Each structure stands twice: as C-alpha cells, then as structure tokens.
Amino acid sequence: MDVLQRIFELRSERGWTEYRLSVESGIPQSTISSWYKKNILPSLPSLERICAAYNINLSQFFSDESDAVTLTPEQKELLDNWNRLDEQQQNNILNLIKSI
C-alpha cells in the first residue's frame, strides 16, 4: 500500500487541504508537505495522529475500502470499555447481551 497516496485519498474524500489536516492532526503543515516532496513515510506516531484526525484507526487506514467499518462514538466508547474488562467480565457482558 502507498501510505502517502492513502493519506491523500482520505484527505481528498473529506475535501481537506494539507493545512486542514495539519490543524486536525497537530502535525505541522511543513512536515506533511515534506513527506510528499521528499517521498518520506510518516512515523507511526504521526500516522496515528493522522488516523485520529480522520476519526479512523490504523486497521481502517490499511484496510481495503470494502472492508472498512466506521464506528460511531458510542461504539468506540463501548469497545474502549470492553478492552478494560477482564476475561470473566467480558463473558458476563456477552451472556447478558445474549439474554436480551
């Protein structure tokens, strides 16, 4: 996958300029521009910040569009809370959901 092309595609889909991506991600516009001018890949932390700006995760960034799933804020909150549970608590929640 061409990471720079993917960043460009996501930016274009949203109608964002490099400046807007810079503002949303907190990455200097000069840094974003230099990636393209020098054909340099962003670091993982920078890529995570870009994903956060686009409101996607790294998995969604690297997935084929047909596989991409966009989560609502509520679904993200649910998954965040789920990840904090131990295995027994997760099983209890699954059983509760199945019983509803």
PDB file of N, CA and C in Angstrom:
ATOM      1  N   MET A   1       0.838  -1.175   0.000  1.00  0.00           N
ATOM      2  CA  MET A   1       0.000   0.000   0.000  1.00  0.00           C
ATOM      3  C   MET A   1       0.888   1.244   0.000  1.00  0.00           C
ATOM      4  N   ASP A   2       0.473   2.223  -0.763  1.00  0.00           N
ATOM      5  CA  ASP A   2       1.164   3.503  -0.793  1.00  0.00           C
ATOM      6  C   ASP A   2       0.570   4.395   0.295  1.00  0.00           C
ATOM      7  N   VAL A   3       1.303   4.539   1.387  1.00  0.00           N
ATOM      8  CA  VAL A   3       0.815   5.270   2.559  1.00  0.00           C
ATOM      9  C   VAL A   3       0.516   6.723   2.213  1.00  0.00           C
ATOM     10  N   LEU A   4       1.412   7.370   1.490  1.00  0.00           N
ATOM     11  CA  LEU A   4       1.193   8.773   1.139  1.00  0.00           C
ATOM     12  C   LEU A   4      -0.038   8.936   0.250  1.00  0.00           C
ATOM     13  N   GLN A   5      -0.228   8.006  -0.661  1.00  0.00           N
ATOM     14  CA  GLN A   5      -1.409   8.056  -1.517  1.00  0.00           C
ATOM     15  C   GLN A   5      -2.675   7.877  -0.689  1.00  0.00           C
ATOM     16  N   ARG A   6      -2.618   6.976   0.281  1.00  0.00           N
ATOM     17  CA  ARG A   6      -3.788   6.741   1.144  1.00  0.00           C
ATOM     18  C   ARG A   6      -4.126   7.986   1.961  1.00  0.00           C
ATOM     19  N   ILE A   7      -3.109   8.666   2.488  1.00  0.00           N
ATOM     20  CA  ILE A   7      -3.347   9.912   3.219  1.00  0.00           C
ATOM     21  C   ILE A   7      -4.003  10.927   2.289  1.00  0.00           C
ATOM     22  N   PHE A   8      -3.492  11.021   1.076  1.00  0.00           N
ATOM     23  CA  PHE A   8      -4.053  11.947   0.088  1.00  0.00           C
ATOM     24  C   PHE A   8      -5.507  11.597  -0.232  1.00  0.00           C
ATOM     25  N   GLU A   9      -5.782  10.309  -0.435  1.00  0.00           N
ATOM     26  CA  GLU A   9      -7.153   9.873  -0.760  1.00  0.00           C
ATOM     27  C   GLU A   9      -8.119  10.245   0.360  1.00  0.00           C
ATOM     28  N   LEU A  10      -7.731   9.969   1.589  1.00  0.00           N
ATOM     29  CA  LEU A  10      -8.603  10.288   2.721  1.00  0.00           C
ATOM     30  C   LEU A  10      -8.804  11.790   2.855  1.00  0.00           C
ATOM     31  N   ARG A  11      -7.753  12.539   2.593  1.00  0.00           N
ATOM     32  CA  ARG A  11      -7.856  13.995   2.658  1.00  0.00           C
ATOM     33  C   ARG A  11      -8.777  14.506   1.553  1.00  0.00           C
ATOM     34  N   SER A  12      -8.639  13.960   0.371  1.00  0.00           N
ATOM     35  CA  SER A  12      -9.474  14.367  -0.759  1.00  0.00           C
ATOM     36  C   SER A  12     -10.939  14.014  -0.541  1.00  0.00           C
ATOM     37  N   GLU A  13     -11.193  12.824   0.024  1.00  0.00           N
ATOM     38  CA  GLU A  13     -12.574  12.408   0.300  1.00  0.00           C
ATOM     39  C   GLU A  13     -13.281  13.406   1.210  1.00  0.00           C
ATOM     40  N   ARG A  14     -12.518  14.003   2.106  1.00  0.00           N
ATOM     41  CA  ARG A  14     -13.098  14.943   3.065  1.00  0.00           C
ATOM     42  C   ARG A  14     -13.054  16.385   2.578  1.00  0.00           C
ATOM     43  N   GLY A  15     -12.384  16.599   1.453  1.00  0.00           N
ATOM     44  CA  GLY A  15     -12.243  17.950   0.941  1.00  0.00           C
ATOM     45  C   GLY A  15     -11.279  18.793   1.762  1.00  0.00           C
ATOM     46  N   TRP A  16     -10.332  18.130   2.421  1.00  0.00           N
ATOM     47  CA  TRP A  16      -9.380  18.816   3.283  1.00  0.00           C
ATOM     48  C   TRP A  16      -8.144  19.234   2.509  1.00  0.00           C
ATOM     49  N   THR A  17      -7.596  20.367   2.874  1.00  0.00           N
ATOM     50  CA  THR A  17      -6.300  20.794   2.384  1.00  0.00           C
ATOM     51  C   THR A  17      -5.229  20.215   3.307  1.00  0.00           C
ATOM     52  N   GLU A  18      -3.977  20.357   2.901  1.00  0.00           N
ATOM     53  CA  GLU A  18      -2.895  19.946   3.807  1.00  0.00           C
ATOM     54  C   GLU A  18      -2.967  20.763   5.092  1.00  0.00           C
ATOM     55  N   TYR A  19      -3.338  22.028   4.954  1.00  0.00           N
ATOM     56  CA  TYR A  19      -3.449  22.876   6.143  1.00  0.00           C
ATOM     57  C   TYR A  19      -4.496  22.319   7.103  1.00  0.00           C
ATOM     58  N   ARG A  20      -5.646  21.920   6.583  1.00  0.00           N
ATOM     59  CA  ARG A  20      -6.713  21.385   7.442  1.00  0.00           C
ATOM     60  C   ARG A  20      -6.249  20.101   8.121  1.00  0.00           C
ATOM     61  N   LEU A  21      -5.568  19.231   7.389  1.00  0.00           N
ATOM     62  CA  LEU A  21      -5.035  18.006   8.002  1.00  0.00           C
ATOM     63  C   LEU A  21      -4.037  18.370   9.094  1.00  0.00           C
ATOM     64  N   SER A  22      -3.237  19.384   8.843  1.00  0.00           N
ATOM     65  CA  SER A  22      -2.281  19.844   9.835  1.00  0.00           C
ATOM     66  C   SER A  22      -2.980  20.301  11.108  1.00  0.00           C
ATOM     67  N   VAL A  23      -4.015  21.092  10.958  1.00  0.00           N
ATOM     68  CA  VAL A  23      -4.762  21.595  12.110  1.00  0.00           C
ATOM     69  C   VAL A  23      -5.420  20.445  12.866  1.00  0.00           C
ATOM     70  N   GLU A  24      -6.064  19.541  12.147  1.00  0.00           N
ATOM     71  CA  GLU A  24      -6.798  18.438  12.774  1.00  0.00           C
ATOM     72  C   GLU A  24      -5.866  17.432  13.452  1.00  0.00           C
ATOM     73  N   SER A  25      -4.678  17.236  12.883  1.00  0.00           N
ATOM     74  CA  SER A  25      -3.752  16.224  13.419  1.00  0.00           C
ATOM     75  C   SER A  25      -2.717  16.799  14.376  1.00  0.00           C
ATOM     76  N   GLY A  26      -2.512  18.107  14.319  1.00  0.00           N
ATOM     77  CA  GLY A  26      -1.476  18.716  15.142  1.00  0.00           C
ATOM     78  C   GLY A  26      -0.076  18.521  14.587  1.00  0.00           C
ATOM     79  N   ILE A  27       0.014  18.103  13.342  1.00  0.00           N
ATOM     80  CA  ILE A  27       1.301  17.917  12.671  1.00  0.00           C
ATOM     81  C   ILE A  27       1.553  19.156  11.813  1.00  0.00           C
ATOM     82  N   PRO A  28       2.727  19.749  11.915  1.00  0.00           N
ATOM     83  CA  PRO A  28       2.984  20.949  11.108  1.00  0.00           C
ATOM     84  C   PRO A  28       2.770  20.704   9.616  1.00  0.00           C
ATOM     85  N   GLN A  29       2.192  21.686   8.949  1.00  0.00           N
ATOM     86  CA  GLN A  29       1.939  21.557   7.516  1.00  0.00           C
ATOM     87  C   GLN A  29       3.243  21.346   6.750  1.00  0.00           C
ATOM     88  N   SER A  30       4.304  21.964   7.209  1.00  0.00           N
ATOM     89  CA  SER A  30       5.596  21.796   6.540  1.00  0.00           C
ATOM     90  C   SER A  30       6.058  20.339   6.594  1.00  0.00           C
ATOM     91  N   THR A  31       5.733  19.651   7.679  1.00  0.00           N
ATOM     92  CA  THR A  31       6.092  18.235   7.802  1.00  0.00           C
ATOM     93  C   THR A  31       5.295  17.404   6.808  1.00  0.00           C
ATOM     94  N   ILE A  32       3.997  17.669   6.735  1.00  0.00           N
ATOM     95  CA  ILE A  32       3.152  16.922   5.794  1.00  0.00           C
ATOM     96  C   ILE A  32       3.613  17.164   4.362  1.00  0.00           C
ATOM     97  N   SER A  33       3.889  18.418   4.019  1.00  0.00           N
ATOM     98  CA  SER A  33       4.355  18.747   2.666  1.00  0.00           C
ATOM     99  C   SER A  33       5.678  18.051   2.354  1.00  0.00           C
ATOM    100  N   SER A  34       6.569  18.004   3.342  1.00  0.00           N
ATOM    101  CA  SER A  34       7.881  17.392   3.092  1.00  0.00           C
ATOM    102  C   SER A  34       7.769  15.890   2.833  1.00  0.00           C
ATOM    103  N   TRP A  35       6.758  15.240   3.425  1.00  0.00           N
ATOM    104  CA  TRP A  35       6.573  13.812   3.139  1.00  0.00           C
ATOM    105  C   TRP A  35       6.398  13.597   1.642  1.00  0.00           C
ATOM    106  N   TYR A  36       5.598  14.452   1.019  1.00  0.00           N
ATOM    107  CA  TYR A  36       5.323  14.303  -0.404  1.00  0.00           C
ATOM    108  C   TYR A  36       6.494  14.768  -1.259  1.00  0.00           C
ATOM    109  N   LYS A  37       7.114  15.891  -0.889  1.00  0.00           N
ATOM    110  CA  LYS A  37       8.231  16.424  -1.680  1.00  0.00           C
ATOM    111  C   LYS A  37       9.428  15.494  -1.660  1.00  0.00           C
ATOM    112  N   LYS A  38       9.677  14.875  -0.503  1.00  0.00           N
ATOM    113  CA  LYS A  38      10.859  14.021  -0.348  1.00  0.00           C
ATOM    114  C   LYS A  38      10.519  12.533  -0.397  1.00  0.00           C
ATOM    115  N   ASN A  39       9.239  12.219  -0.617  1.00  0.00           N
ATOM    116  CA  ASN A  39       8.766  10.840  -0.655  1.00  0.00           C
ATOM    117  C   ASN A  39       9.186  10.081   0.608  1.00  0.00           C
ATOM    118  N   ILE A  40       8.908  10.702   1.761  1.00  0.00           N
ATOM    119  CA  ILE A  40       9.244  10.127   3.063  1.00  0.00           C
ATOM    120  C   ILE A  40       7.965   9.644   3.724  1.00  0.00           C
ATOM    121  N   LEU A  41       8.014   8.461   4.303  1.00  0.00           N
ATOM    122  CA  LEU A  41       6.849   7.943   5.007  1.00  0.00           C
ATOM    123  C   LEU A  41       6.758   8.553   6.397  1.00  0.00           C
ATOM    124  N   PRO A  42       5.547   8.858   6.854  1.00  0.00           N
ATOM    125  CA  PRO A  42       5.394   9.383   8.212  1.00  0.00           C
ATOM    126  C   PRO A  42       5.731   8.313   9.243  1.00  0.00           C
ATOM    127  N   SER A  43       6.162   8.760  10.407  1.00  0.00           N
ATOM    128  CA  SER A  43       6.430   7.833  11.504  1.00  0.00           C
ATOM    129  C   SER A  43       5.110   7.238  11.985  1.00  0.00           C
ATOM    130  N   LEU A  44       5.193   6.166  12.727  1.00  0.00           N
ATOM    131  CA  LEU A  44       3.991   5.540  13.273  1.00  0.00           C
ATOM    132  C   LEU A  44       3.207   6.505  14.161  1.00  0.00           C
ATOM    133  N   PRO A  45       3.873   7.246  15.080  1.00  0.00           N
ATOM    134  CA  PRO A  45       3.104   8.206  15.875  1.00  0.00           C
ATOM    135  C   PRO A  45       2.407   9.270  15.015  1.00  0.00           C
ATOM    136  N   SER A  46       3.065   9.709  13.946  1.00  0.00           N
ATOM    137  CA  SER A  46       2.436  10.684  13.053  1.00  0.00           C
ATOM    138  C   SER A  46       1.242  10.061  12.337  1.00  0.00           C
ATOM    139  N   LEU A  47       1.404   8.829  11.912  1.00  0.00           N
ATOM    140  CA  LEU A  47       0.317   8.134  11.232  1.00  0.00           C
ATOM    141  C   LEU A  47      -0.869   7.935  12.178  1.00  0.00           C
ATOM    142  N   GLU A  48      -0.598   7.648  13.436  1.00  0.00           N
ATOM    143  CA  GLU A  48      -1.672   7.516  14.423  1.00  0.00           C
ATOM    144  C   GLU A  48      -2.405   8.843  14.607  1.00  0.00           C
ATOM    145  N   ARG A  49      -1.674   9.949  14.587  1.00  0.00           N
ATOM    146  CA  ARG A  49      -2.298  11.270  14.717  1.00  0.00           C
ATOM    147  C   ARG A  49      -3.152  11.593  13.490  1.00  0.00           C
ATOM    148  N   ILE A  50      -2.686  11.173  12.337  1.00  0.00           N
ATOM    149  CA  ILE A  50      -3.468  11.380  11.112  1.00  0.00           C
ATOM    150  C   ILE A  50      -4.754  10.561  11.175  1.00  0.00           C
ATOM    151  N   CYS A  51      -4.633   9.319  11.603  1.00  0.00           N
ATOM    152  CA  CYS A  51      -5.818   8.468  11.738  1.00  0.00           C
ATOM    153  C   CYS A  51      -6.814   9.075  12.720  1.00  0.00           C
ATOM    154  N   ALA A  52      -6.316   9.595  13.829  1.00  0.00           N
ATOM    155  CA  ALA A  52      -7.197  10.230  14.814  1.00  0.00           C
ATOM    156  C   ALA A  52      -7.898  11.434  14.191  1.00  0.00           C
ATOM    157  N   ALA A  53      -7.193  12.194  13.383  1.00  0.00           N
ATOM    158  CA  ALA A  53      -7.797  13.347  12.712  1.00  0.00           C
ATOM    159  C   ALA A  53      -8.904  12.897  11.762  1.00  0.00           C
ATOM    160  N   TYR A  54      -8.682  11.785  11.084  1.00  0.00           N
ATOM    161  CA  TYR A  54      -9.681  11.243  10.166  1.00  0.00           C
ATOM    162  C   TYR A  54     -10.760  10.440  10.892  1.00  0.00           C
ATOM    163  N   ASN A  55     -10.598  10.270  12.187  1.00  0.00           N
ATOM    164  CA  ASN A  55     -11.539   9.508  13.003  1.00  0.00           C
ATOM    165  C   ASN A  55     -11.618   8.040  12.558  1.00  0.00           C
ATOM    166  N   ILE A  56     -10.442   7.490  12.266  1.00  0.00           N
ATOM    167  CA  ILE A  56     -10.330   6.072  11.921  1.00  0.00           C
ATOM    168  C   ILE A  56      -9.172   5.488  12.727  1.00  0.00           C
ATOM    169  N   ASN A  57      -9.068   4.164  12.735  1.00  0.00           N
ATOM    170  CA  ASN A  57      -7.924   3.535  13.386  1.00  0.00           C
ATOM    171  C   ASN A  57      -6.941   3.044  12.317  1.00  0.00           C
ATOM    172  N   LEU A  58      -5.781   2.570  12.768  1.00  0.00           N
ATOM    173  CA  LEU A  58      -4.772   2.118  11.807  1.00  0.00           C
ATOM    174  C   LEU A  58      -5.262   0.963  10.948  1.00  0.00           C
ATOM    175  N   SER A  59      -6.045   0.096  11.539  1.00  0.00           N
ATOM    176  CA  SER A  59      -6.601  -1.022  10.784  1.00  0.00           C
ATOM    177  C   SER A  59      -7.460  -0.520   9.623  1.00  0.00           C
ATOM    178  N   GLN A  60      -8.281   0.464   9.902  1.00  0.00           N
ATOM    179  CA  GLN A  60      -9.116   1.043   8.846  1.00  0.00           C
ATOM    180  C   GLN A  60      -8.267   1.762   7.802  1.00  0.00           C
ATOM    181  N   PHE A  61      -7.207   2.405   8.256  1.00  0.00           N
ATOM    182  CA  PHE A  61      -6.314   3.103   7.326  1.00  0.00           C
ATOM    183  C   PHE A  61      -5.736   2.119   6.310  1.00  0.00           C
ATOM    184  N   PHE A  62      -5.298   0.955   6.801  1.00  0.00           N
ATOM    185  CA  PHE A  62      -4.637  -0.011   5.929  1.00  0.00           C
ATOM    186  C   PHE A  62      -5.588  -1.004   5.266  1.00  0.00           C
ATOM    187  N   SER A  63      -6.855  -0.947   5.603  1.00  0.00           N
ATOM    188  CA  SER A  63      -7.797  -1.914   5.026  1.00  0.00           C
ATOM    189  C   SER A  63      -8.267  -1.472   3.652  1.00  0.00           C
ATOM    190  N   ASP A  64      -8.716  -2.454   2.917  1.00  0.00           N
ATOM    191  CA  ASP A  64      -9.378  -2.205   1.641  1.00  0.00           C
ATOM    192  C   ASP A  64     -10.680  -1.485   1.961  1.00  0.00           C
ATOM    193  N   GLU A  65     -11.071  -0.528   1.136  1.00  0.00           N
ATOM    194  CA  GLU A  65     -12.286   0.240   1.423  1.00  0.00           C
ATOM    195  C   GLU A  65     -13.509  -0.641   1.609  1.00  0.00           C
ATOM    196  N   SER A  66     -13.556  -1.758   0.921  1.00  0.00           N
ATOM    197  CA  SER A  66     -14.721  -2.629   1.058  1.00  0.00           C
ATOM    198  C   SER A  66     -14.785  -3.283   2.432  1.00  0.00           C
ATOM    199  N   ASP A  67     -13.625  -3.334   3.117  1.00  0.00           N
ATOM    200  CA  ASP A  67     -13.574  -3.930   4.447  1.00  0.00           C
ATOM    201  C   ASP A  67     -13.736  -2.904   5.558  1.00  0.00           C
ATOM    202  N   ALA A  68     -13.644  -1.631   5.225  1.00  0.00           N
ATOM    203  CA  ALA A  68     -13.629  -0.573   6.244  1.00  0.00           C
ATOM    204  C   ALA A  68     -14.983  -0.455   6.933  1.00  0.00           C
ATOM    205  N   VAL A  69     -14.914  -0.295   8.240  1.00  0.00           N
ATOM    206  CA  VAL A  69     -16.110  -0.102   9.044  1.00  0.00           C
ATOM    207  C   VAL A  69     -15.897   1.169   9.858  1.00  0.00           C
ATOM    208  N   THR A  70     -16.857   2.057   9.799  1.00  0.00           N
ATOM    209  CA  THR A  70     -16.770   3.275  10.581  1.00  0.00           C
ATOM    210  C   THR A  70     -17.602   3.098  11.841  1.00  0.00           C
ATOM    211  N   LEU A  71     -16.980   3.348  12.968  1.00  0.00           N
ATOM    212  CA  LEU A  71     -17.666   3.195  14.241  1.00  0.00           C
ATOM    213  C   LEU A  71     -18.233   4.531  14.690  1.00  0.00           C
ATOM    214  N   THR A  72     -19.393   4.469  15.306  1.00  0.00           N
ATOM    215  CA  THR A  72     -19.969   5.662  15.906  1.00  0.00           C
ATOM    216  C   THR A  72     -19.211   5.967  17.196  1.00  0.00           C
ATOM    217  N   PRO A  73     -19.332   7.167  17.719  1.00  0.00           N
ATOM    218  CA  PRO A  73     -18.679   7.460  19.003  1.00  0.00           C
ATOM    219  C   PRO A  73     -19.119   6.510  20.114  1.00  0.00           C
ATOM    220  N   GLU A  74     -20.384   6.120  20.097  1.00  0.00           N
ATOM    221  CA  GLU A  74     -20.889   5.198  21.118  1.00  0.00           C
ATOM    222  C   GLU A  74     -20.247   3.819  20.989  1.00  0.00           C
ATOM    223  N   GLN A  75     -20.071   3.355  19.743  1.00  0.00           N
ATOM    224  CA  GLN A  75     -19.432   2.058  19.525  1.00  0.00           C
ATOM    225  C   GLN A  75     -17.967   2.100  19.962  1.00  0.00           C
ATOM    226  N   LYS A  76     -17.294   3.205  19.695  1.00  0.00           N
ATOM    227  CA  LYS A  76     -15.906   3.341  20.139  1.00  0.00           C
ATOM    228  C   LYS A  76     -15.826   3.326  21.662  1.00  0.00           C
ATOM    229  N   GLU A  77     -16.751   4.027  22.300  1.00  0.00           N
ATOM    230  CA  GLU A  77     -16.770   4.037  23.764  1.00  0.00           C
ATOM    231  C   GLU A  77     -17.001   2.633  24.301  1.00  0.00           C
ATOM    232  N   LEU A  78     -17.928   1.918  23.689  1.00  0.00           N
ATOM    233  CA  LEU A  78     -18.210   0.555  24.108  1.00  0.00           C
ATOM    234  C   LEU A  78     -16.969  -0.328  23.982  1.00  0.00           C
ATOM    235  N   LEU A  79     -16.270  -0.228  22.863  1.00  0.00           N
ATOM    236  CA  LEU A  79     -15.061  -1.030  22.670  1.00  0.00           C
ATOM    237  C   LEU A  79     -13.952  -0.625  23.632  1.00  0.00           C
ATOM    238  N   ASP A  80     -13.815   0.668  23.880  1.00  0.00           N
ATOM    239  CA  ASP A  80     -12.811   1.118  24.855  1.00  0.00           C
ATOM    240  C   ASP A  80     -13.093   0.524  26.226  1.00  0.00           C
ATOM    241  N   ASN A  81     -14.354   0.560  26.630  1.00  0.00           N
ATOM    242  CA  ASN A  81     -14.729  -0.010  27.924  1.00  0.00           C
ATOM    243  C   ASN A  81     -14.546  -1.527  27.927  1.00  0.00           C
ATOM    244  N   TRP A  82     -14.898  -2.185  26.828  1.00  0.00           N
ATOM    245  CA  TRP A  82     -14.738  -3.630  26.705  1.00  0.00           C
ATOM    246  C   TRP A  82     -13.271  -4.024  26.925  1.00  0.00           C
ATOM    247  N   ASN A  83     -12.363  -3.273  26.341  1.00  0.00           N
ATOM    248  CA  ASN A  83     -10.942  -3.594  26.446  1.00  0.00           C
ATOM    249  C   ASN A  83     -10.404  -3.447  27.863  1.00  0.00           C
ATOM    250  N   ARG A  84     -11.111  -2.735  28.711  1.00  0.00           N
ATOM    251  CA  ARG A  84     -10.689  -2.570  30.101  1.00  0.00           C
ATOM    252  C   ARG A  84     -11.163  -3.723  30.994  1.00  0.00           C
ATOM    253  N   LEU A  85     -12.077  -4.528  30.479  1.00  0.00           N
ATOM    254  CA  LEU A  85     -12.632  -5.632  31.267  1.00  0.00           C
ATOM    255  C   LEU A  85     -11.698  -6.836  31.243  1.00  0.00           C
ATOM    256  N   ASP A  86     -11.744  -7.619  32.321  1.00  0.00           N
ATOM    257  CA  ASP A  86     -11.001  -8.877  32.297  1.00  0.00           C
ATOM    258  C   ASP A  86     -11.862  -9.921  31.566  1.00  0.00           C
ATOM    259  N   GLU A  87     -11.312 -11.095  31.373  1.00  0.00           N
ATOM    260  CA  GLU A  87     -11.997 -12.132  30.591  1.00  0.00           C
ATOM    261  C   GLU A  87     -13.343 -12.530  31.200  1.00  0.00           C
ATOM    262  N   GLN A  88     -13.388 -12.668  32.495  1.00  0.00           N
ATOM    263  CA  GLN A  88     -14.647 -13.044  33.171  1.00  0.00           C
ATOM    264  C   GLN A  88     -15.715 -11.960  32.977  1.00  0.00           C
ATOM    265  N   GLN A  89     -15.314 -10.715  33.115  1.00  0.00           N
ATOM    266  CA  GLN A  89     -16.266  -9.620  32.928  1.00  0.00           C
ATOM    267  C   GLN A  89     -16.775  -9.585  31.487  1.00  0.00           C
ATOM    268  N   GLN A  90     -15.883  -9.827  30.534  1.00  0.00           N
ATOM    269  CA  GLN A  90     -16.303  -9.866  29.135  1.00  0.00           C
ATOM    270  C   GLN A  90     -17.314 -10.986  28.901  1.00  0.00           C
ATOM    271  N   ASN A  91     -17.057 -12.146  29.481  1.00  0.00           N
ATOM    272  CA  ASN A  91     -18.000 -13.268  29.342  1.00  0.00           C
ATOM    273  C   ASN A  91     -19.348 -12.924  29.963  1.00  0.00           C
ATOM    274  N   ASN A  92     -19.332 -12.253  31.117  1.00  0.00           N
ATOM    275  CA  ASN A  92     -20.590 -11.850  31.764  1.00  0.00           C
ATOM    276  C   ASN A  92     -21.383 -10.894  30.874  1.00  0.00           C
ATOM    277  N   ILE A  93     -20.682  -9.951  30.263  1.00  0.00           N
ATOM    278  CA  ILE A  93     -21.352  -8.991  29.374  1.00  0.00           C
ATOM    279  C   ILE A  93     -21.921  -9.706  28.152  1.00  0.00           C
ATOM    280  N   LEU A  94     -21.153 -10.618  27.585  1.00  0.00           N
ATOM    281  CA  LEU A  94     -21.646 -11.372  26.418  1.00  0.00           C
ATOM    282  C   LEU A  94     -22.903 -12.171  26.779  1.00  0.00           C
ATOM    283  N   ASN A  95     -22.885 -12.798  27.930  1.00  0.00           N
ATOM    284  CA  ASN A  95     -24.060 -13.559  28.372  1.00  0.00           C
ATOM    285  C   ASN A  95     -25.257 -12.657  28.576  1.00  0.00           C
ATOM    286  N   LEU A  96     -25.025 -11.488  29.148  1.00  0.00           N
ATOM    287  CA  LEU A  96     -26.107 -10.523  29.341  1.00  0.00           C
ATOM    288  C   LEU A  96     -26.685 -10.095  28.000  1.00  0.00           C
ATOM    289  N   ILE A  97     -25.851  -9.778  27.060  1.00  0.00           N
ATOM    290  CA  ILE A  97     -26.321  -9.356  25.732  1.00  0.00           C
ATOM    291  C   ILE A  97     -27.111 -10.477  25.059  1.00  0.00           C
ATOM    292  N   LYS A  98     -26.619 -11.686  25.158  1.00  0.00           N
ATOM    293  CA  LYS A  98     -27.318 -12.826  24.545  1.00  0.00           C
ATOM    294  C   LYS A  98     -28.681 -13.068  25.175  1.00  0.00           C
ATOM    295  N   SER A  99     -28.803 -12.712  26.445  1.00  0.00           N
ATOM    296  CA  SER A  99     -30.081 -12.965  27.127  1.00  0.00           C
ATOM    297  C   SER A  99     -31.130 -11.895  26.831  1.00  0.00           C
ATOM    298  N   ILE A 100     -30.716 -10.797  26.267  1.00  0.00           N
ATOM    299  CA  ILE A 100     -31.668  -9.704  25.984  1.00  0.00           C
ATOM    300  C   ILE A 100     -32.459 -10.010  24.730  1.00  0.00           C
TER     301      ILE A 100
END
